[in-house]
Full PDB file with SEQRES, HELIX, SHEET, SSBOND, CRYST1, ORIGX, SCALE, CONECT and MASTER records, all heavy atoms in Angstrom:
SEQRES   1 A   45  HIS SER GLY ILE SER ASP HIS VAL ALA CYS GLN ILE SER          
SEQRES   2 A   45  SER MET ILE SER THR ASP GLN GLY ARG SER TRP GLY GLU          
SEQRES   3 A   45  HIS ARG VAL LEU GLN PRO ASN ARG TRP LYS GLN ASN VAL          
SEQRES   4 A   45  LYS HIS PRO ASN LEU ILE                                      
SHEET    1 AA1 2 ILE A  12  SER A  14  0                                        
SHEET    2 AA1 2 ARG A  28  GLN A  31 -1                                        
CRYST1    1.000    1.000    1.000  90.00  90.00  90.00 P 1           1          
ORIGX1      1.000000  0.000000  0.000000        0.00000                         
ORIGX2      0.000000  1.000000  0.000000        0.00000                         
ORIGX3      0.000000  0.000000  1.000000        0.00000                         
SCALE1      1.000000  0.000000  0.000000        0.00000                         
SCALE2      0.000000  1.000000  0.000000        0.00000                         
SCALE3      0.000000  0.000000  1.000000        0.00000                         
ATOM      1  N   HIS A   1      42.897  87.889  65.587  1.00  0.00           N  
ATOM      2  CA  HIS A   1      41.453  87.767  65.766  1.00  0.00           C  
ATOM      3  C   HIS A   1      40.845  89.144  65.988  1.00  0.00           C  
ATOM      4  O   HIS A   1      41.370  89.969  66.716  1.00  0.00           O  
ATOM      5  CB  HIS A   1      41.144  86.857  66.961  1.00  0.00           C  
ATOM      6  CG  HIS A   1      39.679  86.663  67.206  1.00  0.00           C  
ATOM      7  ND1 HIS A   1      38.863  86.058  66.290  1.00  0.00           N  
ATOM      8  CD2 HIS A   1      38.899  87.003  68.263  1.00  0.00           C  
ATOM      9  CE1 HIS A   1      37.626  86.024  66.781  1.00  0.00           C  
ATOM     10  NE2 HIS A   1      37.625  86.599  67.981  1.00  0.00           N  
ATOM     11  N   SER A   2      39.704  89.415  65.374  1.00  0.00           N  
ATOM     12  CA  SER A   2      39.131  90.759  65.361  1.00  0.00           C  
ATOM     13  C   SER A   2      38.506  91.176  66.686  1.00  0.00           C  
ATOM     14  O   SER A   2      38.201  92.338  66.887  1.00  0.00           O  
ATOM     15  CB  SER A   2      38.072  90.856  64.258  1.00  0.00           C  
ATOM     16  OG  SER A   2      37.040  89.909  64.479  1.00  0.00           O  
ATOM     17  N   GLY A   3      38.301  90.254  67.603  1.00  0.00           N  
ATOM     18  CA  GLY A   3      37.638  90.612  68.840  1.00  0.00           C  
ATOM     19  C   GLY A   3      38.545  91.269  69.852  1.00  0.00           C  
ATOM     20  O   GLY A   3      38.559  90.900  71.028  1.00  0.00           O  
ATOM     21  N   ILE A   4      39.326  92.238  69.459  1.00  0.00           N  
ATOM     22  CA  ILE A   4      40.261  92.909  70.374  1.00  0.00           C  
ATOM     23  C   ILE A   4      40.124  94.418  70.239  1.00  0.00           C  
ATOM     24  O   ILE A   4      41.106  95.139  70.205  1.00  0.00           O  
ATOM     25  CB  ILE A   4      41.720  92.475  70.116  1.00  0.00           C  
ATOM     26  CG1 ILE A   4      42.076  92.615  68.632  1.00  0.00           C  
ATOM     27  CG2 ILE A   4      41.952  91.046  70.578  1.00  0.00           C  
ATOM     28  CD1 ILE A   4      43.531  92.348  68.346  1.00  0.00           C  
ATOM     29  N   SER A   5      38.906  94.905  70.171  1.00  0.00           N  
ATOM     30  CA  SER A   5      38.667  96.340  70.033  1.00  0.00           C  
ATOM     31  C   SER A   5      38.936  97.040  71.362  1.00  0.00           C  
ATOM     32  O   SER A   5      39.271  96.414  72.375  1.00  0.00           O  
ATOM     33  CB  SER A   5      37.222  96.581  69.604  1.00  0.00           C  
ATOM     34  OG  SER A   5      36.331  96.236  70.654  1.00  0.00           O  
ATOM     35  N   ASP A   6      38.771  98.359  71.377  1.00  0.00           N  
ATOM     36  CA  ASP A   6      39.014  99.139  72.587  1.00  0.00           C  
ATOM     37  C   ASP A   6      38.057  98.774  73.709  1.00  0.00           C  
ATOM     38  O   ASP A   6      38.311  99.097  74.869  1.00  0.00           O  
ATOM     39  CB  ASP A   6      38.885 100.627  72.276  1.00  0.00           C  
ATOM     40  CG  ASP A   6      40.048 101.151  71.455  1.00  0.00           C  
ATOM     41  OD1 ASP A   6      41.044 100.414  71.315  1.00  0.00           O  
ATOM     42  OD2 ASP A   6      39.959 102.274  70.942  1.00  0.00           O  
ATOM     43  N   HIS A   7      36.933  98.132  73.378  1.00  0.00           N  
ATOM     44  CA  HIS A   7      35.939  97.803  74.394  1.00  0.00           C  
ATOM     45  C   HIS A   7      36.244  96.504  75.133  1.00  0.00           C  
ATOM     46  O   HIS A   7      35.597  96.183  76.124  1.00  0.00           O  
ATOM     47  CB  HIS A   7      34.555  97.686  73.752  1.00  0.00           C  
ATOM     48  CG  HIS A   7      34.095  98.931  73.082  1.00  0.00           C  
ATOM     49  ND1 HIS A   7      34.577  99.332  71.856  1.00  0.00           N  
ATOM     50  CD2 HIS A   7      33.204  99.873  73.466  1.00  0.00           C  
ATOM     51  CE1 HIS A   7      33.991 100.479  71.519  1.00  0.00           C  
ATOM     52  NE2 HIS A   7      33.154 100.818  72.476  1.00  0.00           N  
ATOM     53  N   VAL A   8      37.227  95.756  74.657  1.00  0.00           N  
ATOM     54  CA  VAL A   8      37.538  94.464  75.274  1.00  0.00           C  
ATOM     55  C   VAL A   8      38.089  94.681  76.686  1.00  0.00           C  
ATOM     56  O   VAL A   8      38.740  95.682  76.969  1.00  0.00           O  
ATOM     57  CB  VAL A   8      38.552  93.696  74.397  1.00  0.00           C  
ATOM     58  CG1 VAL A   8      39.073  92.465  75.111  1.00  0.00           C  
ATOM     59  CG2 VAL A   8      37.898  93.291  73.090  1.00  0.00           C  
ATOM     60  N   ALA A   9      37.819  93.730  77.578  1.00  0.00           N  
ATOM     61  CA  ALA A   9      38.298  93.831  78.956  1.00  0.00           C  
ATOM     62  C   ALA A   9      39.817  94.007  78.991  1.00  0.00           C  
ATOM     63  O   ALA A   9      40.551  93.384  78.221  1.00  0.00           O  
ATOM     64  CB  ALA A   9      37.895  92.587  79.740  1.00  0.00           C  
ATOM     65  N   CYS A  10      40.274  94.865  79.891  1.00  0.00           N  
ATOM     66  CA  CYS A  10      41.700  95.184  79.954  1.00  0.00           C  
ATOM     67  C   CYS A  10      42.078  95.499  81.388  1.00  0.00           C  
ATOM     68  O   CYS A  10      41.266  96.016  82.166  1.00  0.00           O  
ATOM     69  CB  CYS A  10      41.997  96.375  79.044  1.00  0.00           C  
ATOM     70  SG  CYS A  10      43.719  96.895  79.029  1.00  0.00           S  
ATOM     71  N   GLN A  11      43.304  95.174  81.739  1.00  0.00           N  
ATOM     72  CA  GLN A  11      43.859  95.499  83.048  1.00  0.00           C  
ATOM     73  C   GLN A  11      45.236  96.127  82.837  1.00  0.00           C  
ATOM     74  O   GLN A  11      45.801  96.049  81.743  1.00  0.00           O  
ATOM     75  CB  GLN A  11      43.984  94.241  83.906  1.00  0.00           C  
ATOM     76  CG  GLN A  11      44.890  93.180  83.293  1.00  0.00           C  
ATOM     77  CD  GLN A  11      44.736  91.813  83.911  1.00  0.00           C  
ATOM     78  OE1 GLN A  11      43.817  91.570  84.676  1.00  0.00           O  
ATOM     79  NE2 GLN A  11      45.633  90.902  83.585  1.00  0.00           N  
ATOM     80  N   ILE A  12      45.786  96.734  83.856  1.00  0.00           N  
ATOM     81  CA  ILE A  12      47.129  97.300  83.760  1.00  0.00           C  
ATOM     82  C   ILE A  12      48.087  96.359  84.482  1.00  0.00           C  
ATOM     83  O   ILE A  12      47.958  96.128  85.686  1.00  0.00           O  
ATOM     84  CB  ILE A  12      47.188  98.707  84.365  1.00  0.00           C  
ATOM     85  CG1 ILE A  12      46.269  99.647  83.579  1.00  0.00           C  
ATOM     86  CG2 ILE A  12      48.620  99.241  84.355  1.00  0.00           C  
ATOM     87  CD1 ILE A  12      46.192 101.046  84.133  1.00  0.00           C  
ATOM     88  N   SER A  13      49.011  95.803  83.735  1.00  0.00           N  
ATOM     89  CA  SER A  13      49.952  94.823  84.272  1.00  0.00           C  
ATOM     90  C   SER A  13      51.359  95.400  84.333  1.00  0.00           C  
ATOM     91  O   SER A  13      51.635  96.466  83.775  1.00  0.00           O  
ATOM     92  CB  SER A  13      49.926  93.543  83.427  1.00  0.00           C  
ATOM     93  OG  SER A  13      48.648  92.938  83.494  1.00  0.00           O  
ATOM     94  N   SER A  14      52.259  94.668  84.989  1.00  0.00           N  
ATOM     95  CA  SER A  14      53.616  95.180  85.169  1.00  0.00           C  
ATOM     96  C   SER A  14      54.622  94.051  85.281  1.00  0.00           C  
ATOM     97  O   SER A  14      54.279  92.911  85.610  1.00  0.00           O  
ATOM     98  CB  SER A  14      53.696  96.062  86.422  1.00  0.00           C  
ATOM     99  OG  SER A  14      53.494  95.284  87.593  1.00  0.00           O  
ATOM    100  N   MET A  15      55.883  94.382  84.988  1.00  0.00           N  
ATOM    101  CA  MET A  15      57.031  93.511  85.195  1.00  0.00           C  
ATOM    102  C   MET A  15      58.219  94.376  85.588  1.00  0.00           C  
ATOM    103  O   MET A  15      58.256  95.566  85.253  1.00  0.00           O  
ATOM    104  CB  MET A  15      57.392  92.723  83.928  1.00  0.00           C  
ATOM    105  CG  MET A  15      56.378  91.718  83.468  1.00  0.00           C  
ATOM    106  SD  MET A  15      56.975  90.852  81.981  1.00  0.00           S  
ATOM    107  CE  MET A  15      55.555  89.845  81.571  1.00  0.00           C  
ATOM    108  N   ILE A  16      59.183  93.797  86.262  1.00  0.00           N  
ATOM    109  CA  ILE A  16      60.377  94.529  86.680  1.00  0.00           C  
ATOM    110  C   ILE A  16      61.611  93.889  86.058  1.00  0.00           C  
ATOM    111  O   ILE A  16      61.745  92.660  86.021  1.00  0.00           O  
ATOM    112  CB  ILE A  16      60.503  94.543  88.212  1.00  0.00           C  
ATOM    113  CG1 ILE A  16      59.390  95.402  88.818  1.00  0.00           C  
ATOM    114  CG2 ILE A  16      61.875  95.081  88.650  1.00  0.00           C  
ATOM    115  CD1 ILE A  16      59.411  95.457  90.340  1.00  0.00           C  
ATOM    116  N   SER A  17      62.512  94.727  85.557  1.00  0.00           N  
ATOM    117  CA  SER A  17      63.796  94.274  85.028  1.00  0.00           C  
ATOM    118  C   SER A  17      64.912  94.759  85.945  1.00  0.00           C  
ATOM    119  O   SER A  17      64.894  95.909  86.402  1.00  0.00           O  
ATOM    120  CB  SER A  17      64.022  94.811  83.615  1.00  0.00           C  
ATOM    121  OG  SER A  17      65.329  94.501  83.162  1.00  0.00           O  
ATOM    122  N   THR A  18      65.881  93.892  86.200  1.00  0.00           N  
ATOM    123  CA  THR A  18      67.045  94.258  87.024  1.00  0.00           C  
ATOM    124  C   THR A  18      68.336  94.265  86.209  1.00  0.00           C  
ATOM    125  O   THR A  18      69.419  94.402  86.772  1.00  0.00           O  
ATOM    126  CB  THR A  18      67.195  93.286  88.207  1.00  0.00           C  
ATOM    127  OG1 THR A  18      67.316  91.950  87.714  1.00  0.00           O  
ATOM    128  CG2 THR A  18      65.979  93.364  89.129  1.00  0.00           C  
ATOM    129  N   ASP A  19      68.205  94.098  84.875  1.00  0.00           N  
ATOM    130  CA  ASP A  19      69.404  94.050  84.019  1.00  0.00           C  
ATOM    131  C   ASP A  19      69.251  94.954  82.793  1.00  0.00           C  
ATOM    132  O   ASP A  19      69.572  94.570  81.684  1.00  0.00           O  
ATOM    133  CB  ASP A  19      69.709  92.610  83.596  1.00  0.00           C  
ATOM    134  CG  ASP A  19      68.524  91.941  82.900  1.00  0.00           C  
ATOM    135  OD1 ASP A  19      67.501  92.624  82.638  1.00  0.00           O  
ATOM    136  OD2 ASP A  19      68.609  90.736  82.608  1.00  0.00           O  
ATOM    137  N   GLN A  20      68.715  96.147  83.026  1.00  0.00           N  
ATOM    138  CA  GLN A  20      68.586  97.160  81.980  1.00  0.00           C  
ATOM    139  C   GLN A  20      67.692  96.694  80.829  1.00  0.00           C  
ATOM    140  O   GLN A  20      67.933  97.031  79.666  1.00  0.00           O  
ATOM    141  CB  GLN A  20      69.964  97.567  81.446  1.00  0.00           C  
ATOM    142  CG  GLN A  20      70.860  98.178  82.512  1.00  0.00           C  
ATOM    143  CD  GLN A  20      72.196  98.616  81.972  1.00  0.00           C  
ATOM    144  OE1 GLN A  20      72.653  98.127  80.946  1.00  0.00           O  
ATOM    145  NE2 GLN A  20      72.840  99.535  82.679  1.00  0.00           N  
ATOM    146  N   GLY A  21      66.643  95.953  81.136  1.00  0.00           N  
ATOM    147  CA  GLY A  21      65.658  95.581  80.137  1.00  0.00           C  
ATOM    148  C   GLY A  21      65.961  94.342  79.325  1.00  0.00           C  
ATOM    149  O   GLY A  21      65.211  94.015  78.403  1.00  0.00           O  
ATOM    150  N   ARG A  22      67.028  93.619  79.661  1.00  0.00           N  
ATOM    151  CA  ARG A  22      67.352  92.404  78.896  1.00  0.00           C  
ATOM    152  C   ARG A  22      66.470  91.222  79.299  1.00  0.00           C  
ATOM    153  O   ARG A  22      66.268  90.301  78.512  1.00  0.00           O  
ATOM    154  CB  ARG A  22      68.828  92.060  79.071  1.00  0.00           C  
ATOM    155  CG  ARG A  22      69.756  93.026  78.333  1.00  0.00           C  
ATOM    156  CD  ARG A  22      71.219  92.736  78.635  1.00  0.00           C  
ATOM    157  NE  ARG A  22      72.103  93.548  77.808  1.00  0.00           N  
ATOM    158  CZ  ARG A  22      72.415  94.810  78.046  1.00  0.00           C  
ATOM    159  NH1 ARG A  22      71.891  95.421  79.103  1.00  0.00           N  
ATOM    160  NH2 ARG A  22      73.221  95.479  77.238  1.00  0.00           N  
ATOM    161  N   SER A  23      65.931  91.256  80.501  1.00  0.00           N  
ATOM    162  CA  SER A  23      64.990  90.231  80.948  1.00  0.00           C  
ATOM    163  C   SER A  23      64.015  90.880  81.914  1.00  0.00           C  
ATOM    164  O   SER A  23      64.313  91.921  82.520  1.00  0.00           O  
ATOM    165  CB  SER A  23      65.716  89.058  81.618  1.00  0.00           C  
ATOM    166  OG  SER A  23      66.378  89.485  82.793  1.00  0.00           O  
ATOM    167  N   TRP A  24      62.860  90.235  82.049  1.00  0.00           N  
ATOM    168  CA  TRP A  24      61.809  90.796  82.885  1.00  0.00           C  
ATOM    169  C   TRP A  24      61.284  89.737  83.844  1.00  0.00           C  
ATOM    170  O   TRP A  24      61.143  88.572  83.483  1.00  0.00           O  
ATOM    171  CB  TRP A  24      60.681  91.347  82.008  1.00  0.00           C  
ATOM    172  CG  TRP A  24      61.144  92.485  81.156  1.00  0.00           C  
ATOM    173  CD1 TRP A  24      61.685  92.404  79.908  1.00  0.00           C  
ATOM    174  CD2 TRP A  24      61.169  93.869  81.514  1.00  0.00           C  
ATOM    175  NE1 TRP A  24      62.031  93.655  79.452  1.00  0.00           N  
ATOM    176  CE2 TRP A  24      61.725  94.572  80.417  1.00  0.00           C  
ATOM    177  CE3 TRP A  24      60.772  94.582  82.649  1.00  0.00           C  
ATOM    178  CZ2 TRP A  24      61.893  95.958  80.428  1.00  0.00           C  
ATOM    179  CZ3 TRP A  24      60.931  95.967  82.658  1.00  0.00           C  
ATOM    180  CH2 TRP A  24      61.491  96.639  81.560  1.00  0.00           C  
ATOM    181  N   GLY A  25      60.991  90.167  85.052  1.00  0.00           N  
ATOM    182  CA  GLY A  25      60.606  89.238  86.106  1.00  0.00           C  
ATOM    183  C   GLY A  25      59.138  88.872  86.103  1.00  0.00           C  
ATOM    184  O   GLY A  25      58.465  88.898  85.057  1.00  0.00           O  
ATOM    185  N   GLU A  26      58.634  88.574  87.265  1.00  0.00           N  
ATOM    186  CA  GLU A  26      57.285  88.035  87.425  1.00  0.00           C  
ATOM    187  C   GLU A  26      56.207  89.018  86.972  1.00  0.00           C  
ATOM    188  O   GLU A  26      56.292  90.221  87.237  1.00  0.00           O  
ATOM    189  CB  GLU A  26      57.058  87.671  88.902  1.00  0.00           C  
ATOM    190  CG  GLU A  26      55.702  87.055  89.193  1.00  0.00           C  
ATOM    191  CD  GLU A  26      55.536  86.742  90.667  1.00  0.00           C  
ATOM    192  OE1 GLU A  26      56.500  86.971  91.429  1.00  0.00           O  
ATOM    193  OE2 GLU A  26      54.450  86.273  91.056  1.00  0.00           O  
ATOM    194  N   HIS A  27      55.228  88.473  86.277  1.00  0.00           N  
ATOM    195  CA  HIS A  27      54.072  89.253  85.834  1.00  0.00           C  
ATOM    196  C   HIS A  27      53.202  89.605  87.043  1.00  0.00           C  
ATOM    197  O   HIS A  27      52.912  88.762  87.886  1.00  0.00           O  
ATOM    198  CB  HIS A  27      53.274  88.439  84.813  1.00  0.00           C  
ATOM    199  CG  HIS A  27      51.972  89.065  84.416  1.00  0.00           C  
ATOM    200  ND1 HIS A  27      50.832  88.974  85.186  1.00  0.00           N  
ATOM    201  CD2 HIS A  27      51.626  89.772  83.324  1.00  0.00           C  
ATOM    202  CE1 HIS A  27      49.839  89.601  84.581  1.00  0.00           C  
ATOM    203  NE2 HIS A  27      50.295  90.098  83.459  1.00  0.00           N  
ATOM    204  N   ARG A  28      52.782  90.873  87.122  1.00  0.00           N  
ATOM    205  CA  ARG A  28      51.945  91.330  88.225  1.00  0.00           C  
ATOM    206  C   ARG A  28      50.863  92.256  87.689  1.00  0.00           C  
ATOM    207  O   ARG A  28      51.139  93.110  86.845  1.00  0.00           O  
ATOM    208  CB  ARG A  28      52.797  92.077  89.248  1.00  0.00           C  
ATOM    209  CG  ARG A  28      52.008  92.735  90.386  1.00  0.00           C  
ATOM    210  CD  ARG A  28      52.920  93.611  91.223  1.00  0.00           C  
ATOM    211  NE  ARG A  28      52.196  94.351  92.250  1.00  0.00           N  
ATOM    212  CZ  ARG A  28      52.711  95.357  92.954  1.00  0.00           C  
ATOM    213  NH1 ARG A  28      53.967  95.741  92.729  1.00  0.00           N  
ATOM    214  NH2 ARG A  28      51.985  95.981  93.863  1.00  0.00           N  
ATOM    215  N   VAL A  29      49.628  92.091  88.155  1.00  0.00           N  
ATOM    216  CA  VAL A  29      48.544  93.005  87.785  1.00  0.00           C  
ATOM    217  C   VAL A  29      48.615  94.209  88.719  1.00  0.00           C  
ATOM    218  O   VAL A  29      48.356  94.105  89.913  1.00  0.00           O  
ATOM    219  CB  VAL A  29      47.162  92.319  87.888  1.00  0.00           C  
ATOM    220  CG1 VAL A  29      46.058  93.320  87.559  1.00  0.00           C  
ATOM    221  CG2 VAL A  29      47.089  91.136  86.938  1.00  0.00           C  
ATOM    222  N   LEU A  30      48.999  95.345  88.155  1.00  0.00           N  
ATOM    223  CA  LEU A  30      49.169  96.553  88.961  1.00  0.00           C  
ATOM    224  C   LEU A  30      47.826  97.204  89.269  1.00  0.00           C  
ATOM    225  O   LEU A  30      47.617  97.715  90.374  1.00  0.00           O  
ATOM    226  CB  LEU A  30      50.083  97.536  88.225  1.00  0.00           C  
ATOM    227  CG  LEU A  30      50.550  98.755  89.005  1.00  0.00           C  
ATOM    228  CD1 LEU A  30      51.335  98.344  90.233  1.00  0.00           C  
ATOM    229  CD2 LEU A  30      51.390  99.664  88.111  1.00  0.00           C  
ATOM    230  N   GLN A  31      46.910  97.205  88.273  1.00  0.00           N  
ATOM    231  CA  GLN A  31      45.579  97.749  88.493  1.00  0.00           C  
ATOM    232  C   GLN A  31      44.541  96.812  87.888  1.00  0.00           C  
ATOM    233  O   GLN A  31      44.402  96.743  86.677  1.00  0.00           O  
ATOM    234  CB  GLN A  31      45.440  99.148  87.875  1.00  0.00           C  
ATOM    235  CG  GLN A  31      44.045  99.746  88.011  1.00  0.00           C  
ATOM    236  CD  GLN A  31      43.575  99.786  89.463  1.00  0.00           C  
ATOM    237  OE1 GLN A  31      44.285 100.275  90.338  1.00  0.00           O  
ATOM    238  NE2 GLN A  31      42.393  99.259  89.729  1.00  0.00           N  
ATOM    239  N   PRO A  32      43.794  96.072  88.723  1.00  0.00           N  
ATOM    240  CA  PRO A  32      42.748  95.184  88.196  1.00  0.00           C  
ATOM    241  C   PRO A  32      41.626  95.992  87.553  1.00  0.00           C  
ATOM    242  O   PRO A  32      41.445  97.183  87.830  1.00  0.00           O  
ATOM    243  CB  PRO A  32      42.255  94.448  89.448  1.00  0.00           C  
ATOM    244  CG  PRO A  32      43.290  94.679  90.495  1.00  0.00           C  
ATOM    245  CD  PRO A  32      43.926  95.991  90.183  1.00  0.00           C  
ATOM    246  N   ASN A  33      40.855  95.320  86.725  1.00  0.00           N  
ATOM    247  CA  ASN A  33      39.716  95.951  86.075  1.00  0.00           C  
ATOM    248  C   ASN A  33      38.507  95.921  87.005  1.00  0.00           C  
ATOM    249  O   ASN A  33      37.904  94.874  87.226  1.00  0.00           O  
ATOM    250  CB  ASN A  33      39.399  95.216  84.770  1.00  0.00           C  
ATOM    251  CG  ASN A  33      38.235  95.849  84.030  1.00  0.00           C  
ATOM    252  OD1 ASN A  33      37.819  96.959  84.338  1.00  0.00           O  
ATOM    253  ND2 ASN A  33      37.723  95.140  83.050  1.00  0.00           N  
ATOM    254  N   ARG A  34      38.141  97.070  87.536  1.00  0.00           N  
ATOM    255  CA  ARG A  34      36.987  97.184  88.422  1.00  0.00           C  
ATOM    256  C   ARG A  34      35.814  97.869  87.731  1.00  0.00           C  
ATOM    257  O   ARG A  34      34.839  98.237  88.380  1.00  0.00           O  
ATOM    258  CB  ARG A  34      37.366  97.977  89.677  1.00  0.00           C  
ATOM    259  CG  ARG A  34      38.473  97.324  90.508  1.00  0.00           C  
ATOM    260  CD  ARG A  34      38.838  98.208  91.685  1.00  0.00           C  
ATOM    261  NE  ARG A  34      39.885  97.593  92.499  1.00  0.00           N  
ATOM    262  CZ  ARG A  34      40.464  98.203  93.539  1.00  0.00           C  
ATOM    263  NH1 ARG A  34      40.089  99.432  93.879  1.00  0.00           N  
ATOM    264  NH2 ARG A  34      41.412  97.587  94.234  1.00  0.00           N  
ATOM    265  N   TRP A  35      35.916  98.067  86.425  1.00  0.00           N  
ATOM    266  CA  TRP A  35      34.913  98.806  85.686  1.00  0.00           C  
ATOM    267  C   TRP A  35      34.106  97.872  84.785  1.00  0.00           C  
ATOM    268  O   TRP A  35      34.478  96.716  84.590  1.00  0.00           O  
ATOM    269  CB  TRP A  35      35.581  99.917  84.879  1.00  0.00           C  
ATOM    270  CG  TRP A  35      36.167 100.969  85.769  1.00  0.00           C  
ATOM    271  CD1 TRP A  35      35.610 102.157  86.133  1.00  0.00           C  
ATOM    272  CD2 TRP A  35      37.431 100.930  86.444  1.00  0.00           C  
ATOM    273  NE1 TRP A  35      36.426 102.857  86.980  1.00  0.00           N  
ATOM    274  CE2 TRP A  35      37.552 102.125  87.193  1.00  0.00           C  
ATOM    275  CE3 TRP A  35      38.464 100.000  86.498  1.00  0.00           C  
ATOM    276  CZ2 TRP A  35      38.657 102.405  87.972  1.00  0.00           C  
ATOM    277  CZ3 TRP A  35      39.572 100.275  87.282  1.00  0.00           C  
ATOM    278  CH2 TRP A  35      39.672 101.473  88.003  1.00  0.00           C  
ATOM    279  N   LYS A  36      33.041  98.385  84.221  1.00  0.00           N  
ATOM    280  CA  LYS A  36      32.167  97.571  83.389  1.00  0.00           C  
ATOM    281  C   LYS A  36      32.855  97.160  82.092  1.00  0.00           C  
ATOM    282  O   LYS A  36      32.520  96.131  81.505  1.00  0.00           O  
ATOM    283  CB  LYS A  36      30.870  98.319  83.085  1.00  0.00           C  
ATOM    284  CG  LYS A  36      30.016  98.565  84.315  1.00  0.00           C  
ATOM    285  CD  LYS A  36      28.770  99.356  83.974  1.00  0.00           C  
ATOM    286  CE  LYS A  36      27.926  99.616  85.215  1.00  0.00           C  
ATOM    287  NZ  LYS A  36      26.725 100.428  84.881  1.00  0.00           N  
ATOM    288  N   GLN A  37      33.813  97.973  81.607  1.00  0.00           N  
ATOM    289  CA  GLN A  37      34.536  97.620  80.382  1.00  0.00           C  
ATOM    290  C   GLN A  37      36.009  97.370  80.663  1.00  0.00           C  
ATOM    291  O   GLN A  37      36.452  96.237  80.618  1.00  0.00           O  
ATOM    292  CB  GLN A  37      34.323  98.697  79.312  1.00  0.00           C  
ATOM    293  CG  GLN A  37      32.896  98.722  78.811  1.00  0.00           C  
ATOM    294  CD  GLN A  37      32.711  99.542  77.565  1.00  0.00           C  
ATOM    295  OE1 GLN A  37      33.606 100.224  77.082  1.00  0.00           O  
ATOM    296  NE2 GLN A  37      31.514  99.487  77.017  1.00  0.00           N  
ATOM    297  N   ASN A  38      36.794  98.394  80.955  1.00  0.00           N  
ATOM    298  CA  ASN A  38      38.218  98.149  81.177  1.00  0.00           C  
ATOM    299  C   ASN A  38      38.902  99.316  81.878  1.00  0.00           C  
ATOM    300  O   ASN A  38      38.286 100.335  82.167  1.00  0.00           O  
ATOM    301  CB  ASN A  38      38.924  97.818  79.855  1.00  0.00           C  
ATOM    302  CG  ASN A  38      38.729  98.910  78.818  1.00  0.00           C  
ATOM    303  OD1 ASN A  38      38.792 100.091  79.117  1.00  0.00           O  
ATOM    304  ND2 ASN A  38      38.501  98.509  77.571  1.00  0.00           N  
ATOM    305  N   VAL A  39      40.207  99.143  82.102  1.00  0.00           N  
ATOM    306  CA  VAL A  39      41.051 100.199  82.648  1.00  0.00           C  
ATOM    307  C   VAL A  39      42.348 100.208  81.842  1.00  0.00           C  
ATOM    308  O   VAL A  39      42.895  99.154  81.510  1.00  0.00           O  
ATOM    309  CB  VAL A  39      41.330  99.983  84.150  1.00  0.00           C  
ATOM    310  CG1 VAL A  39      41.974  98.625  84.412  1.00  0.00           C  
ATOM    311  CG2 VAL A  39      42.216 101.094  84.708  1.00  0.00           C  
ATOM    312  N   LYS A  40      42.829 101.401  81.502  1.00  0.00           N  
ATOM    313  CA  LYS A  40      44.036 101.505  80.666  1.00  0.00           C  
ATOM    314  C   LYS A  40      44.679 102.871  80.855  1.00  0.00           C  
ATOM    315  O   LYS A  40      44.335 103.624  81.746  1.00  0.00           O  
ATOM    316  CB  LYS A  40      43.689 101.259  79.197  1.00  0.00           C  
ATOM    317  CG  LYS A  40      42.639 102.214  78.644  1.00  0.00           C  
ATOM    318  CD  LYS A  40      42.351 101.944  77.180  1.00  0.00           C  
ATOM    319  CE  LYS A  40      41.548 100.685  76.993  1.00  0.00           C  
ATOM    320  NZ  LYS A  40      41.166 100.470  75.561  1.00  0.00           N  
ATOM    321  N   HIS A  41      45.659 103.189  80.002  1.00  0.00           N  
ATOM    322  CA  HIS A  41      46.367 104.470  79.972  1.00  0.00           C  
ATOM    323  C   HIS A  41      47.151 104.740  81.264  1.00  0.00           C  
ATOM    324  O   HIS A  41      46.918 105.732  81.962  1.00  0.00           O  
ATOM    325  CB  HIS A  41      45.393 105.631  79.728  1.00  0.00           C  
ATOM    326  CG  HIS A  41      44.587 105.496  78.485  1.00  0.00           C  
ATOM    327  ND1 HIS A  41      43.414 106.174  78.275  1.00  0.00           N  
ATOM    328  CD2 HIS A  41      44.768 104.719  77.388  1.00  0.00           C  
ATOM    329  CE1 HIS A  41      42.907 105.846  77.111  1.00  0.00           C  
ATOM    330  NE2 HIS A  41      43.723 104.965  76.551  1.00  0.00           N  
ATOM    331  N   PRO A  42      48.123 103.895  81.620  1.00  0.00           N  
ATOM    332  CA  PRO A  42      48.910 104.135  82.833  1.00  0.00           C  
ATOM    333  C   PRO A  42      49.871 105.310  82.693  1.00  0.00           C  
ATOM    334  O   PRO A  42      50.495 105.501  81.654  1.00  0.00           O  
ATOM    335  CB  PRO A  42      49.679 102.819  83.001  1.00  0.00           C  
ATOM    336  CG  PRO A  42      49.821 102.293  81.609  1.00  0.00           C  
ATOM    337  CD  PRO A  42      48.553 102.678  80.910  1.00  0.00           C  
ATOM    338  N   ASN A  43      49.963 106.111  83.745  1.00  0.00           N  
ATOM    339  CA  ASN A  43      50.933 107.193  83.833  1.00  0.00           C  
ATOM    340  C   ASN A  43      51.565 107.169  85.216  1.00  0.00           C  
ATOM    341  O   ASN A  43      50.856 107.196  86.228  1.00  0.00           O  
ATOM    342  CB  ASN A  43      50.268 108.550  83.595  1.00  0.00           C  
ATOM    343  CG  ASN A  43      50.154 108.885  82.121  1.00  0.00           C  
ATOM    344  OD1 ASN A  43      51.088 109.411  81.519  1.00  0.00           O  
ATOM    345  ND2 ASN A  43      49.003 108.576  81.532  1.00  0.00           N  
ATOM    346  N   LEU A  44      52.897 107.105  85.259  1.00  0.00           N  
ATOM    347  CA  LEU A  44      53.634 107.101  86.517  1.00  0.00           C  
ATOM    348  C   LEU A  44      54.501 108.355  86.595  1.00  0.00           C  
ATOM    349  O   LEU A  44      55.204 108.700  85.641  1.00  0.00           O  
ATOM    350  CB  LEU A  44      54.514 105.858  86.617  1.00  0.00           C  
ATOM    351  CG  LEU A  44      53.768 104.515  86.713  1.00  0.00           C  
ATOM    352  CD1 LEU A  44      54.731 103.366  86.481  1.00  0.00           C  
ATOM    353  CD2 LEU A  44      53.094 104.378  88.068  1.00  0.00           C  
ATOM    354  N   ILE A  45      54.442 109.036  87.734  1.00  0.00           N  
ATOM    355  CA  ILE A  45      55.220 110.254  87.957  1.00  0.00           C  
ATOM    356  C   ILE A  45      55.892 110.166  89.325  1.00  0.00           C  
ATOM    357  O   ILE A  45      55.233 109.858  90.331  1.00  0.00           O  
ATOM    358  CB  ILE A  45      54.321 111.507  87.905  1.00  0.00           C  
ATOM    359  CG1 ILE A  45      53.869 111.781  86.479  1.00  0.00           C  
ATOM    360  CG2 ILE A  45      55.046 112.727  88.452  1.00  0.00           C  
ATOM    361  CD1 ILE A  45      54.963 112.273  85.549  1.00  0.00           C  
TER     362      ILE A  45                                                      
MASTER        0    0    0    0    2    0    0    6  361    1    0    4          
END                                                                             
């Protein structure tokens, strides 16, 4: 569906794997969208 442009609402979500990426656990929203459009581009250091 075409309604998925860069302006569409977005949040930063996360999952954790304990078996080297073969399975992933519970879905969690790491950074909710608090802006008028969206939030993206996660960087972890």
